[in-house]
Amino acid sequence: QVQLAESGGGLVQPGESLRLSCAGSGFDVRFSAMAWYRQAPGTEREFLAYISSVGNTNILDSVKERFTISRDNAKNTVYLQLNMLRPEDTAVYYCHRPAAGGIPGAWGRGTQVTVSW
């Protein structure tokens, strides 16, 4: 069974950093494209970052100077590094594995990031 578990969210002040983790189970992240999304209250879920199975990355233009996606194959985990956080980054952040290779897609349950004084 494909499962994703996010962690690393929290309450931080503007300008601070967080590293979000997405631990996968039931599949190997080495051979999977993975992505991060976020959803703020009253808005649609927004794509943030993508990493392909061979390590190519794509980051939303509006955050690419501050956010980085990476993968640790040994830990079967994908990360999203959030730097220089702003109040408008406040949202629930979700990890996503698109359906591929006969394995169904999956979403994690999300981790809350709150940026406030």
PDB file of N, CA and C in Angstrom:
ATOM      1  N   GLN A   1       0.846  -1.183   0.000  1.00  0.00           N
ATOM      2  CA  GLN A   1       0.000   0.000   0.000  1.00  0.00           C
ATOM      3  C   GLN A   1       0.887   1.241   0.000  1.00  0.00           C
ATOM      4  N   VAL A   2       0.645   2.125  -0.952  1.00  0.00           N
ATOM      5  CA  VAL A   2       1.420   3.351  -1.056  1.00  0.00           C
ATOM      6  C   VAL A   2       0.947   4.349  -0.007  1.00  0.00           C
ATOM      7  N   GLN A   3       1.872   4.825   0.814  1.00  0.00           N
ATOM      8  CA  GLN A   3       1.537   5.819   1.823  1.00  0.00           C
ATOM      9  C   GLN A   3       2.611   6.883   1.865  1.00  0.00           C
ATOM     10  N   LEU A   4       2.171   8.103   2.208  1.00  0.00           N
ATOM     11  CA  LEU A   4       3.078   9.239   2.347  1.00  0.00           C
ATOM     12  C   LEU A   4       2.804   9.905   3.688  1.00  0.00           C
ATOM     13  N   ALA A   5       3.855  10.286   4.374  1.00  0.00           N
ATOM     14  CA  ALA A   5       3.694  10.926   5.680  1.00  0.00           C
ATOM     15  C   ALA A   5       4.579  12.157   5.746  1.00  0.00           C
ATOM     16  N   GLU A   6       3.937  13.322   5.806  1.00  0.00           N
ATOM     17  CA  GLU A   6       4.684  14.569   5.906  1.00  0.00           C
ATOM     18  C   GLU A   6       4.984  14.900   7.368  1.00  0.00           C
ATOM     19  N   SER A   7       6.058  15.627   7.561  1.00  0.00           N
ATOM     20  CA  SER A   7       6.411  16.128   8.888  1.00  0.00           C
ATOM     21  C   SER A   7       7.294  17.359   8.713  1.00  0.00           C
ATOM     22  N   GLY A   8       7.518  18.050   9.814  1.00  0.00           N
ATOM     23  CA  GLY A   8       8.441  19.186   9.784  1.00  0.00           C
ATOM     24  C   GLY A   8       7.789  20.553   9.791  1.00  0.00           C
ATOM     25  N   GLY A   9       6.476  20.597   9.717  1.00  0.00           N
ATOM     26  CA  GLY A   9       5.803  21.884   9.765  1.00  0.00           C
ATOM     27  C   GLY A   9       5.846  22.477  11.161  1.00  0.00           C
ATOM     28  N   GLY A  10       5.359  23.712  11.272  1.00  0.00           N
ATOM     29  CA  GLY A  10       5.327  24.360  12.572  1.00  0.00           C
ATOM     30  C   GLY A  10       5.057  25.839  12.447  1.00  0.00           C
ATOM     31  N   LEU A  11       5.223  26.523  13.571  1.00  0.00           N
ATOM     32  CA  LEU A  11       5.043  27.968  13.647  1.00  0.00           C
ATOM     33  C   LEU A  11       6.418  28.620  13.654  1.00  0.00           C
ATOM     34  N   VAL A  12       6.665  29.484  12.683  1.00  0.00           N
ATOM     35  CA  VAL A  12       7.938  30.185  12.602  1.00  0.00           C
ATOM     36  C   VAL A  12       7.681  31.661  12.346  1.00  0.00           C
ATOM     37  N   GLN A  13       8.712  32.458  12.565  1.00  0.00           N
ATOM     38  CA  GLN A  13       8.614  33.883  12.290  1.00  0.00           C
ATOM     39  C   GLN A  13       9.058  34.177  10.861  1.00  0.00           C
ATOM     40  N   PRO A  14       8.604  35.281  10.307  1.00  0.00           N
ATOM     41  CA  PRO A  14       9.060  35.665   8.961  1.00  0.00           C
ATOM     42  C   PRO A  14      10.584  35.701   8.881  1.00  0.00           C
ATOM     43  N   GLY A  15      11.100  35.178   7.771  1.00  0.00           N
ATOM     44  CA  GLY A  15      12.536  35.132   7.566  1.00  0.00           C
ATOM     45  C   GLY A  15      13.189  33.839   7.993  1.00  0.00           C
ATOM     46  N   GLU A  16      12.482  33.038   8.767  1.00  0.00           N
ATOM     47  CA  GLU A  16      13.038  31.770   9.232  1.00  0.00           C
ATOM     48  C   GLU A  16      12.845  30.667   8.187  1.00  0.00           C
ATOM     49  N   SER A  17      13.398  29.497   8.510  1.00  0.00           N
ATOM     50  CA  SER A  17      13.383  28.367   7.566  1.00  0.00           C
ATOM     51  C   SER A  17      12.752  27.136   8.201  1.00  0.00           C
ATOM     52  N   LEU A  18      12.288  26.249   7.350  1.00  0.00           N
ATOM     53  CA  LEU A  18      11.803  24.932   7.765  1.00  0.00           C
ATOM     54  C   LEU A  18      12.219  23.928   6.703  1.00  0.00           C
ATOM     55  N   ARG A  19      12.386  22.687   7.131  1.00  0.00           N
ATOM     56  CA  ARG A  19      12.558  21.603   6.173  1.00  0.00           C
ATOM     57  C   ARG A  19      11.439  20.592   6.387  1.00  0.00           C
ATOM     58  N   LEU A  20      10.635  20.440   5.362  1.00  0.00           N
ATOM     59  CA  LEU A  20       9.543  19.484   5.396  1.00  0.00           C
ATOM     60  C   LEU A  20      10.026  18.142   4.850  1.00  0.00           C
ATOM     61  N   SER A  21       9.559  17.074   5.472  1.00  0.00           N
ATOM     62  CA  SER A  21       9.910  15.726   5.042  1.00  0.00           C
ATOM     63  C   SER A  21       8.664  14.984   4.594  1.00  0.00           C
ATOM     64  N   CYS A  22       8.855  14.116   3.623  1.00  0.00           N
ATOM     65  CA  CYS A  22       7.779  13.242   3.144  1.00  0.00           C
ATOM     66  C   CYS A  22       8.345  11.837   3.070  1.00  0.00           C
ATOM     67  N   ALA A  23       7.973  11.015   4.029  1.00  0.00           N
ATOM     68  CA  ALA A  23       8.451   9.638   4.074  1.00  0.00           C
ATOM     69  C   ALA A  23       7.503   8.741   3.305  1.00  0.00           C
ATOM     70  N   GLY A  24       8.039   8.004   2.344  1.00  0.00           N
ATOM     71  CA  GLY A  24       7.228   7.101   1.546  1.00  0.00           C
ATOM     72  C   GLY A  24       7.289   5.677   2.049  1.00  0.00           C
ATOM     73  N   SER A  25       6.205   4.936   1.883  1.00  0.00           N
ATOM     74  CA  SER A  25       6.178   3.513   2.184  1.00  0.00           C
ATOM     75  C   SER A  25       5.332   2.811   1.129  1.00  0.00           C
ATOM     76  N   GLY A  26       5.685   1.556   0.870  1.00  0.00           N
ATOM     77  CA  GLY A  26       4.970   0.790  -0.140  1.00  0.00           C
ATOM     78  C   GLY A  26       5.477   1.017  -1.548  1.00  0.00           C
ATOM     79  N   PHE A  27       6.493   1.838  -1.690  1.00  0.00           N
ATOM     80  CA  PHE A  27       7.112   2.075  -2.993  1.00  0.00           C
ATOM     81  C   PHE A  27       8.496   2.660  -2.759  1.00  0.00           C
ATOM     82  N   ASP A  28       9.285   2.725  -3.829  1.00  0.00           N
ATOM     83  CA  ASP A  28      10.654   3.222  -3.733  1.00  0.00           C
ATOM     84  C   ASP A  28      10.727   4.616  -4.359  1.00  0.00           C
ATOM     85  N   VAL A  29      11.087   5.624  -3.557  1.00  0.00           N
ATOM     86  CA  VAL A  29      11.122   6.991  -4.085  1.00  0.00           C
ATOM     87  C   VAL A  29      12.197   7.150  -5.149  1.00  0.00           C
ATOM     88  N   ARG A  30      13.188   6.243  -5.172  1.00  0.00           N
ATOM     89  CA  ARG A  30      14.233   6.364  -6.187  1.00  0.00           C
ATOM     90  C   ARG A  30      13.659   6.290  -7.595  1.00  0.00           C
ATOM     91  N   PHE A  31      12.575   5.547  -7.746  1.00  0.00           N
ATOM     92  CA  PHE A  31      12.027   5.306  -9.072  1.00  0.00           C
ATOM     93  C   PHE A  31      10.733   6.070  -9.308  1.00  0.00           C
ATOM     94  N   SER A  32      10.481   7.060  -8.455  1.00  0.00           N
ATOM     95  CA  SER A  32       9.209   7.777  -8.511  1.00  0.00           C
ATOM     96  C   SER A  32       9.413   9.272  -8.691  1.00  0.00           C
ATOM     97  N   ALA A  33       8.575   9.881  -9.512  1.00  0.00           N
ATOM     98  CA  ALA A  33       8.450  11.320  -9.486  1.00  0.00           C
ATOM     99  C   ALA A  33       7.645  11.693  -8.239  1.00  0.00           C
ATOM    100  N   MET A  34       8.040  12.803  -7.608  1.00  0.00           N
ATOM    101  CA  MET A  34       7.357  13.247  -6.397  1.00  0.00           C
ATOM    102  C   MET A  34       7.127  14.753  -6.480  1.00  0.00           C
ATOM    103  N   ALA A  35       6.137  15.221  -5.755  1.00  0.00           N
ATOM    104  CA  ALA A  35       5.811  16.649  -5.820  1.00  0.00           C
ATOM    105  C   ALA A  35       5.322  17.144  -4.466  1.00  0.00           C
ATOM    106  N   TRP A  36       5.422  18.463  -4.299  1.00  0.00           N
ATOM    107  CA  TRP A  36       4.877  19.151  -3.128  1.00  0.00           C
ATOM    108  C   TRP A  36       3.852  20.181  -3.602  1.00  0.00           C
ATOM    109  N   TYR A  37       2.774  20.271  -2.827  1.00  0.00           N
ATOM    110  CA  TYR A  37       1.727  21.254  -3.045  1.00  0.00           C
ATOM    111  C   TYR A  37       1.441  21.947  -1.712  1.00  0.00           C
ATOM    112  N   ARG A  38       0.703  23.020  -1.768  1.00  0.00           N
ATOM    113  CA  ARG A  38       0.216  23.645  -0.541  1.00  0.00           C
ATOM    114  C   ARG A  38      -1.186  24.197  -0.772  1.00  0.00           C
ATOM    115  N   GLN A  39      -1.887  24.345   0.354  1.00  0.00           N
ATOM    116  CA  GLN A  39      -3.245  24.866   0.291  1.00  0.00           C
ATOM    117  C   GLN A  39      -3.484  25.777   1.478  1.00  0.00           C
ATOM    118  N   ALA A  40      -3.723  27.043   1.189  1.00  0.00           N
ATOM    119  CA  ALA A  40      -4.063  28.006   2.222  1.00  0.00           C
ATOM    120  C   ALA A  40      -5.583  28.041   2.373  1.00  0.00           C
ATOM    121  N   PRO A  41      -6.089  28.479   3.529  1.00  0.00           N
ATOM    122  CA  PRO A  41      -7.543  28.517   3.736  1.00  0.00           C
ATOM    123  C   PRO A  41      -8.245  29.324   2.639  1.00  0.00           C
ATOM    124  N   GLY A  42      -9.315  28.734   2.101  1.00  0.00           N
ATOM    125  CA  GLY A  42     -10.113  29.424   1.103  1.00  0.00           C
ATOM    126  C   GLY A  42      -9.511  29.476  -0.279  1.00  0.00           C
ATOM    127  N   THR A  43      -8.424  28.713  -0.496  1.00  0.00           N
ATOM    128  CA  THR A  43      -7.786  28.708  -1.817  1.00  0.00           C
ATOM    129  C   THR A  43      -7.692  27.278  -2.341  1.00  0.00           C
ATOM    130  N   GLU A  44      -7.374  27.168  -3.626  1.00  0.00           N
ATOM    131  CA  GLU A  44      -7.168  25.848  -4.217  1.00  0.00           C
ATOM    132  C   GLU A  44      -5.751  25.356  -3.909  1.00  0.00           C
ATOM    133  N   ARG A  45      -5.593  24.058  -3.982  1.00  0.00           N
ATOM    134  CA  ARG A  45      -4.274  23.474  -3.777  1.00  0.00           C
ATOM    135  C   ARG A  45      -3.349  23.949  -4.896  1.00  0.00           C
ATOM    136  N   GLU A  46      -2.153  24.346  -4.497  1.00  0.00           N
ATOM    137  CA  GLU A  46      -1.207  24.999  -5.419  1.00  0.00           C
ATOM    138  C   GLU A  46       0.047  24.144  -5.568  1.00  0.00           C
ATOM    139  N   PHE A  47       0.454  23.880  -6.802  1.00  0.00           N
ATOM    140  CA  PHE A  47       1.703  23.169  -7.057  1.00  0.00           C
ATOM    141  C   PHE A  47       2.894  24.029  -6.633  1.00  0.00           C
ATOM    142  N   LEU A  48       3.892  23.376  -6.006  1.00  0.00           N
ATOM    143  CA  LEU A  48       5.096  24.077  -5.590  1.00  0.00           C
ATOM    144  C   LEU A  48       6.368  23.541  -6.256  1.00  0.00           C
ATOM    145  N   ALA A  49       6.527  22.215  -6.202  1.00  0.00           N
ATOM    146  CA  ALA A  49       7.808  21.666  -6.628  1.00  0.00           C
ATOM    147  C   ALA A  49       7.647  20.220  -7.048  1.00  0.00           C
ATOM    148  N   TYR A  50       8.561  19.807  -7.921  1.00  0.00           N
ATOM    149  CA  TYR A  50       8.520  18.466  -8.513  1.00  0.00           C
ATOM    150  C   TYR A  50       9.947  17.966  -8.671  1.00  0.00           C
ATOM    151  N   ILE A  51      10.125  16.677  -8.400  1.00  0.00           N
ATOM    152  CA  ILE A  51      11.405  16.043  -8.667  1.00  0.00           C
ATOM    153  C   ILE A  51      11.134  14.756  -9.422  1.00  0.00           C
ATOM    154  N   SER A  52      11.829  14.568 -10.535  1.00  0.00           N
ATOM    155  CA  SER A  52      11.601  13.377 -11.345  1.00  0.00           C
ATOM    156  C   SER A  52      12.380  12.200 -10.777  1.00  0.00           C
ATOM    157  N   SER A  53      12.146  11.044 -11.341  1.00  0.00           N
ATOM    158  CA  SER A  53      12.836   9.841 -10.877  1.00  0.00           C
ATOM    159  C   SER A  53      14.344   9.922 -11.135  1.00  0.00           C
ATOM    160  N   VAL A  54      14.754  10.761 -12.084  1.00  0.00           N
ATOM    161  CA  VAL A  54      16.180  10.896 -12.360  1.00  0.00           C
ATOM    162  C   VAL A  54      16.768  12.166 -11.748  1.00  0.00           C
ATOM    163  N   GLY A  55      15.959  12.864 -10.940  1.00  0.00           N
ATOM    164  CA  GLY A  55      16.485  13.994 -10.191  1.00  0.00           C
ATOM    165  C   GLY A  55      16.284  15.359 -10.801  1.00  0.00           C
ATOM    166  N   ASN A  56      15.617  15.429 -11.944  1.00  0.00           N
ATOM    167  CA  ASN A  56      15.311  16.752 -12.493  1.00  0.00           C
ATOM    168  C   ASN A  56      14.253  17.420 -11.627  1.00  0.00           C
ATOM    169  N   THR A  57      14.392  18.716 -11.441  1.00  0.00           N
ATOM    170  CA  THR A  57      13.462  19.432 -10.578  1.00  0.00           C
ATOM    171  C   THR A  57      12.775  20.583 -11.304  1.00  0.00           C
ATOM    172  N   ASN A  58      11.605  20.917 -10.812  1.00  0.00           N
ATOM    173  CA  ASN A  58      10.836  22.051 -11.334  1.00  0.00           C
ATOM    174  C   ASN A  58      10.190  22.726 -10.126  1.00  0.00           C
ATOM    175  N   ILE A  59      10.435  24.014  -9.981  1.00  0.00           N
ATOM    176  CA  ILE A  59       9.928  24.767  -8.841  1.00  0.00           C
ATOM    177  C   ILE A  59       9.057  25.911  -9.349  1.00  0.00           C
ATOM    178  N   LEU A  60       7.946  26.159  -8.676  1.00  0.00           N
ATOM    179  CA  LEU A  60       7.074  27.277  -8.999  1.00  0.00           C
ATOM    180  C   LEU A  60       7.905  28.563  -9.014  1.00  0.00           C
ATOM    181  N   ASP A  61       7.751  29.353 -10.073  1.00  0.00           N
ATOM    182  CA  ASP A  61       8.584  30.545 -10.247  1.00  0.00           C
ATOM    183  C   ASP A  61       8.550  31.473  -9.037  1.00  0.00           C
ATOM    184  N   SER A  62       7.388  31.638  -8.442  1.00  0.00           N
ATOM    185  CA  SER A  62       7.248  32.619  -7.369  1.00  0.00           C
ATOM    186  C   SER A  62       7.963  32.196  -6.087  1.00  0.00           C
ATOM    187  N   VAL A  63       8.393  30.942  -5.980  1.00  0.00           N
ATOM    188  CA  VAL A  63       9.093  30.496  -4.767  1.00  0.00           C
ATOM    189  C   VAL A  63      10.463  29.898  -5.056  1.00  0.00           C
ATOM    190  N   LYS A  64      10.875  29.863  -6.316  1.00  0.00           N
ATOM    191  CA  LYS A  64      12.080  29.128  -6.669  1.00  0.00           C
ATOM    192  C   LYS A  64      13.353  29.705  -6.070  1.00  0.00           C
ATOM    193  N   GLU A  65      13.316  30.964  -5.689  1.00  0.00           N
ATOM    194  CA  GLU A  65      14.496  31.544  -5.034  1.00  0.00           C
ATOM    195  C   GLU A  65      14.574  31.175  -3.564  1.00  0.00           C
ATOM    196  N   ARG A  66      13.497  30.597  -3.016  1.00  0.00           N
ATOM    197  CA  ARG A  66      13.442  30.333  -1.569  1.00  0.00           C
ATOM    198  C   ARG A  66      13.215  28.854  -1.236  1.00  0.00           C
ATOM    199  N   PHE A  67      12.608  28.101  -2.147  1.00  0.00           N
ATOM    200  CA  PHE A  67      12.252  26.705  -1.865  1.00  0.00           C
ATOM    201  C   PHE A  67      13.103  25.761  -2.709  1.00  0.00           C
ATOM    202  N   THR A  68      13.457  24.624  -2.123  1.00  0.00           N
ATOM    203  CA  THR A  68      14.246  23.608  -2.815  1.00  0.00           C
ATOM    204  C   THR A  68      13.674  22.233  -2.527  1.00  0.00           C
ATOM    205  N   ILE A  69      13.583  21.401  -3.561  1.00  0.00           N
ATOM    206  CA  ILE A  69      13.131  20.026  -3.383  1.00  0.00           C
ATOM    207  C   ILE A  69      14.326  19.097  -3.551  1.00  0.00           C
ATOM    208  N   SER A  70      14.352  18.048  -2.726  1.00  0.00           N
ATOM    209  CA  SER A  70      15.445  17.089  -2.809  1.00  0.00           C
ATOM    210  C   SER A  70      14.946  15.728  -2.346  1.00  0.00           C
ATOM    211  N   ARG A  71      15.816  14.717  -2.480  1.00  0.00           N
ATOM    212  CA  ARG A  71      15.406  13.350  -2.163  1.00  0.00           C
ATOM    213  C   ARG A  71      16.572  12.621  -1.508  1.00  0.00           C
ATOM    214  N   ASP A  72      16.265  11.822  -0.507  1.00  0.00           N
ATOM    215  CA  ASP A  72      17.249  10.941   0.136  1.00  0.00           C
ATOM    216  C   ASP A  72      16.793   9.513  -0.106  1.00  0.00           C
ATOM    217  N   ASN A  73      17.430   8.854  -1.053  1.00  0.00           N
ATOM    218  CA  ASN A  73      16.990   7.508  -1.424  1.00  0.00           C
ATOM    219  C   ASN A  73      17.151   6.516  -0.268  1.00  0.00           C
ATOM    220  N   ALA A  74      18.211   6.679   0.501  1.00  0.00           N
ATOM    221  CA  ALA A  74      18.459   5.747   1.605  1.00  0.00           C
ATOM    222  C   ALA A  74      17.351   5.802   2.646  1.00  0.00           C
ATOM    223  N   LYS A  75      16.743   6.981   2.804  1.00  0.00           N
ATOM    224  CA  LYS A  75      15.670   7.146   3.785  1.00  0.00           C
ATOM    225  C   LYS A  75      14.288   7.068   3.149  1.00  0.00           C
ATOM    226  N   ASN A  76      14.263   6.853   1.826  1.00  0.00           N
ATOM    227  CA  ASN A  76      12.989   6.812   1.105  1.00  0.00           C
ATOM    228  C   ASN A  76      12.135   8.047   1.397  1.00  0.00           C
ATOM    229  N   THR A  77      12.789   9.187   1.373  1.00  0.00           N
ATOM    230  CA  THR A  77      12.173  10.437   1.810  1.00  0.00           C
ATOM    231  C   THR A  77      12.467  11.559   0.817  1.00  0.00           C
ATOM    232  N   VAL A  78      11.476  12.406   0.629  1.00  0.00           N
ATOM    233  CA  VAL A  78      11.614  13.608  -0.186  1.00  0.00           C
ATOM    234  C   VAL A  78      11.470  14.813   0.741  1.00  0.00           C
ATOM    235  N   TYR A  79      12.248  15.848   0.453  1.00  0.00           N
ATOM    236  CA  TYR A  79      12.255  17.028   1.307  1.00  0.00           C
ATOM    237  C   TYR A  79      11.839  18.271   0.531  1.00  0.00           C
ATOM    238  N   LEU A  80      11.321  19.235   1.269  1.00  0.00           N
ATOM    239  CA  LEU A  80      11.085  20.563   0.734  1.00  0.00           C
ATOM    240  C   LEU A  80      11.687  21.555   1.721  1.00  0.00           C
ATOM    241  N   GLN A  81      12.759  22.201   1.298  1.00  0.00           N
ATOM    242  CA  GLN A  81      13.412  23.208   2.124  1.00  0.00           C
ATOM    243  C   GLN A  81      12.756  24.548   1.863  1.00  0.00           C
ATOM    244  N   LEU A  82      12.291  25.169   2.931  1.00  0.00           N
ATOM    245  CA  LEU A  82      11.605  26.462   2.846  1.00  0.00           C
ATOM    246  C   LEU A  82      12.478  27.500   3.539  1.00  0.00           C
ATOM    247  N   ASN A  83      12.974  28.457   2.785  1.00  0.00           N
ATOM    248  CA  ASN A  83      13.811  29.513   3.342  1.00  0.00           C
ATOM    249  C   ASN A  83      13.118  30.862   3.224  1.00  0.00           C
ATOM    250  N   MET A  84      13.566  31.784   4.051  1.00  0.00           N
ATOM    251  CA  MET A  84      13.036  33.158   4.019  1.00  0.00           C
ATOM    252  C   MET A  84      11.504  33.146   4.000  1.00  0.00           C
ATOM    253  N   LEU A  85      10.914  32.443   4.929  1.00  0.00           N
ATOM    254  CA  LEU A  85       9.466  32.280   4.936  1.00  0.00           C
ATOM    255  C   LEU A  85       8.753  33.596   5.174  1.00  0.00           C
ATOM    256  N   ARG A  86       7.585  33.705   4.549  1.00  0.00           N
ATOM    257  CA  ARG A  86       6.754  34.910   4.627  1.00  0.00           C
ATOM    258  C   ARG A  86       5.380  34.538   5.163  1.00  0.00           C
ATOM    259  N   PRO A  87       4.645  35.490   5.711  1.00  0.00           N
ATOM    260  CA  PRO A  87       3.294  35.173   6.195  1.00  0.00           C
ATOM    261  C   PRO A  87       2.414  34.540   5.116  1.00  0.00           C
ATOM    262  N   GLU A  88       2.583  34.934   3.866  1.00  0.00           N
ATOM    263  CA  GLU A  88       1.770  34.370   2.789  1.00  0.00           C
ATOM    264  C   GLU A  88       2.127  32.926   2.449  1.00  0.00           C
ATOM    265  N   ASP A  89       3.186  32.406   3.060  1.00  0.00           N
ATOM    266  CA  ASP A  89       3.515  30.988   2.890  1.00  0.00           C
ATOM    267  C   ASP A  89       2.715  30.105   3.847  1.00  0.00           C
ATOM    268  N   THR A  90       1.951  30.715   4.719  1.00  0.00           N
ATOM    269  CA  THR A  90       1.128  29.953   5.651  1.00  0.00           C
ATOM    270  C   THR A  90       0.125  29.094   4.888  1.00  0.00           C
ATOM    271  N   ALA A  91       0.159  27.788   5.151  1.00  0.00           N
ATOM    272  CA  ALA A  91      -0.690  26.839   4.420  1.00  0.00           C
ATOM    273  C   ALA A  91      -0.445  25.445   4.977  1.00  0.00           C
ATOM    274  N   VAL A  92      -1.273  24.518   4.531  1.00  0.00           N
ATOM    275  CA  VAL A  92      -0.989  23.099   4.745  1.00  0.00           C
ATOM    276  C   VAL A  92      -0.201  22.611   3.532  1.00  0.00           C
ATOM    277  N   TYR A  93       0.917  21.975   3.782  1.00  0.00           N
ATOM    278  CA  TYR A  93       1.803  21.500   2.723  1.00  0.00           C
ATOM    279  C   TYR A  93       1.635  19.996   2.560  1.00  0.00           C
ATOM    280  N   TYR A  94       1.422  19.578   1.299  1.00  0.00           N
ATOM    281  CA  TYR A  94       1.137  18.184   0.986  1.00  0.00           C
ATOM    282  C   TYR A  94       2.204  17.599   0.067  1.00  0.00           C
ATOM    283  N   CYS A  95       2.492  16.349   0.310  1.00  0.00           N
ATOM    284  CA  CYS A  95       3.366  15.571  -0.556  1.00  0.00           C
ATOM    285  C   CYS A  95       2.480  14.732  -1.485  1.00  0.00           C
ATOM    286  N   HIS A  96       2.934  14.532  -2.714  1.00  0.00           N
ATOM    287  CA  HIS A  96       2.131  13.799  -3.696  1.00  0.00           C
ATOM    288  C   HIS A  96       3.014  12.903  -4.545  1.00  0.00           C
ATOM    289  N   ARG A  97       2.564  11.684  -4.720  1.00  0.00           N
ATOM    290  CA  ARG A  97       3.175  10.771  -5.680  1.00  0.00           C
ATOM    291  C   ARG A  97       2.185  10.565  -6.808  1.00  0.00           C
ATOM    292  N   PRO A  98       2.513  11.055  -8.010  1.00  0.00           N
ATOM    293  CA  PRO A  98       1.606  10.825  -9.133  1.00  0.00           C
ATOM    294  C   PRO A  98       1.505   9.337  -9.451  1.00  0.00           C
ATOM    295  N   ALA A  99       0.368   8.909  -9.980  1.00  0.00           N
ATOM    296  CA  ALA A  99       0.213   7.528 -10.424  1.00  0.00           C
ATOM    297  C   ALA A  99       1.179   7.251 -11.566  1.00  0.00           C
ATOM    298  N   ALA A 100       1.862   6.128 -11.500  1.00  0.00           N
ATOM    299  CA  ALA A 100       2.811   5.784 -12.550  1.00  0.00           C
ATOM    300  C   ALA A 100       3.258   4.342 -12.363  1.00  0.00           C
ATOM    301  N   GLY A 101       3.613   3.701 -13.479  1.00  0.00           N
ATOM    302  CA  GLY A 101       4.178   2.358 -13.405  1.00  0.00           C
ATOM    303  C   GLY A 101       3.260   1.353 -12.756  1.00  0.00           C
ATOM    304  N   GLY A 102       1.952   1.563 -12.916  1.00  0.00           N
ATOM    305  CA  GLY A 102       1.009   0.619 -12.330  1.00  0.00           C
ATOM    306  C   GLY A 102       0.768   0.812 -10.844  1.00  0.00           C
ATOM    307  N   ILE A 103       1.441   1.819 -10.259  1.00  0.00           N
ATOM    308  CA  ILE A 103       1.256   2.108  -8.836  1.00  0.00           C
ATOM    309  C   ILE A 103       0.338   3.317  -8.709  1.00  0.00           C
ATOM    310  N   PRO A 104      -0.687   3.248  -7.892  1.00  0.00           N
ATOM    311  CA  PRO A 104      -1.634   4.363  -7.801  1.00  0.00           C
ATOM    312  C   PRO A 104      -0.992   5.599  -7.196  1.00  0.00           C
ATOM    313  N   GLY A 105      -1.547   6.747  -7.536  1.00  0.00           N
ATOM    314  CA  GLY A 105      -1.079   7.975  -6.941  1.00  0.00           C
ATOM    315  C   GLY A 105      -1.506   8.054  -5.476  1.00  0.00           C
ATOM    316  N   ALA A 106      -0.838   8.941  -4.752  1.00  0.00           N
ATOM    317  CA  ALA A 106      -1.137   9.078  -3.330  1.00  0.00           C
ATOM    318  C   ALA A 106      -0.851  10.495  -2.867  1.00  0.00           C
ATOM    319  N   TRP A 107      -1.560  10.895  -1.829  1.00  0.00           N
ATOM    320  CA  TRP A 107      -1.341  12.166  -1.146  1.00  0.00           C
ATOM    321  C   TRP A 107      -1.085  11.880   0.328  1.00  0.00           C
ATOM    322  N   GLY A 108      -0.225  12.684   0.908  1.00  0.00           N
ATOM    323  CA  GLY A 108      -0.090  12.636   2.348  1.00  0.00           C
ATOM    324  C   GLY A 108      -1.219  13.415   2.997  1.00  0.00           C
ATOM    325  N   ARG A 109      -1.214  13.419   4.325  1.00  0.00           N
ATOM    326  CA  ARG A 109      -2.272  14.116   5.051  1.00  0.00           C
ATOM    327  C   ARG A 109      -1.945  15.582   5.284  1.00  0.00           C
ATOM    328  N   GLY A 110      -0.715  15.959   4.987  1.00  0.00           N
ATOM    329  CA  GLY A 110      -0.350  17.355   5.086  1.00  0.00           C
ATOM    330  C   GLY A 110       0.323  17.719   6.392  1.00  0.00           C
ATOM    331  N   THR A 111       1.097  18.797   6.338  1.00  0.00           N
ATOM    332  CA  THR A 111       1.721  19.348   7.542  1.00  0.00           C
ATOM    333  C   THR A 111       1.530  20.865   7.510  1.00  0.00           C
ATOM    334  N   GLN A 112       1.118  21.405   8.644  1.00  0.00           N
ATOM    335  CA  GLN A 112       0.780  22.831   8.723  1.00  0.00           C
ATOM    336  C   GLN A 112       2.042  23.673   8.892  1.00  0.00           C
ATOM    337  N   VAL A 113       2.151  24.697   8.066  1.00  0.00           N
ATOM    338  CA  VAL A 113       3.204  25.694   8.203  1.00  0.00           C
ATOM    339  C   VAL A 113       2.529  27.035   8.460  1.00  0.00           C
ATOM    340  N   THR A 114       2.890  27.655   9.574  1.00  0.00           N
ATOM    341  CA  THR A 114       2.344  28.963   9.925  1.00  0.00           C
ATOM    342  C   THR A 114       3.496  29.933  10.111  1.00  0.00           C
ATOM    343  N   VAL A 115       3.440  31.042   9.385  1.00  0.00           N
ATOM    344  CA  VAL A 115       4.493  32.059   9.448  1.00  0.00           C
ATOM    345  C   VAL A 115       3.869  33.328  10.017  1.00  0.00           C
ATOM    346  N   SER A 116       4.293  33.675  11.217  1.00  0.00           N
ATOM    347  CA  SER A 116       3.673  34.808  11.897  1.00  0.00           C
ATOM    348  C   SER A 116       4.580  35.318  12.991  1.00  0.00           C
ATOM    349  N   TRP A 117       4.432  36.630  13.290  1.00  0.00           N
ATOM    350  CA  TRP A 117       5.135  37.188  14.434  1.00  0.00           C
ATOM    351  C   TRP A 117       4.448  36.754  15.711  1.00  0.00           C
TER     352      TRP A 117
END
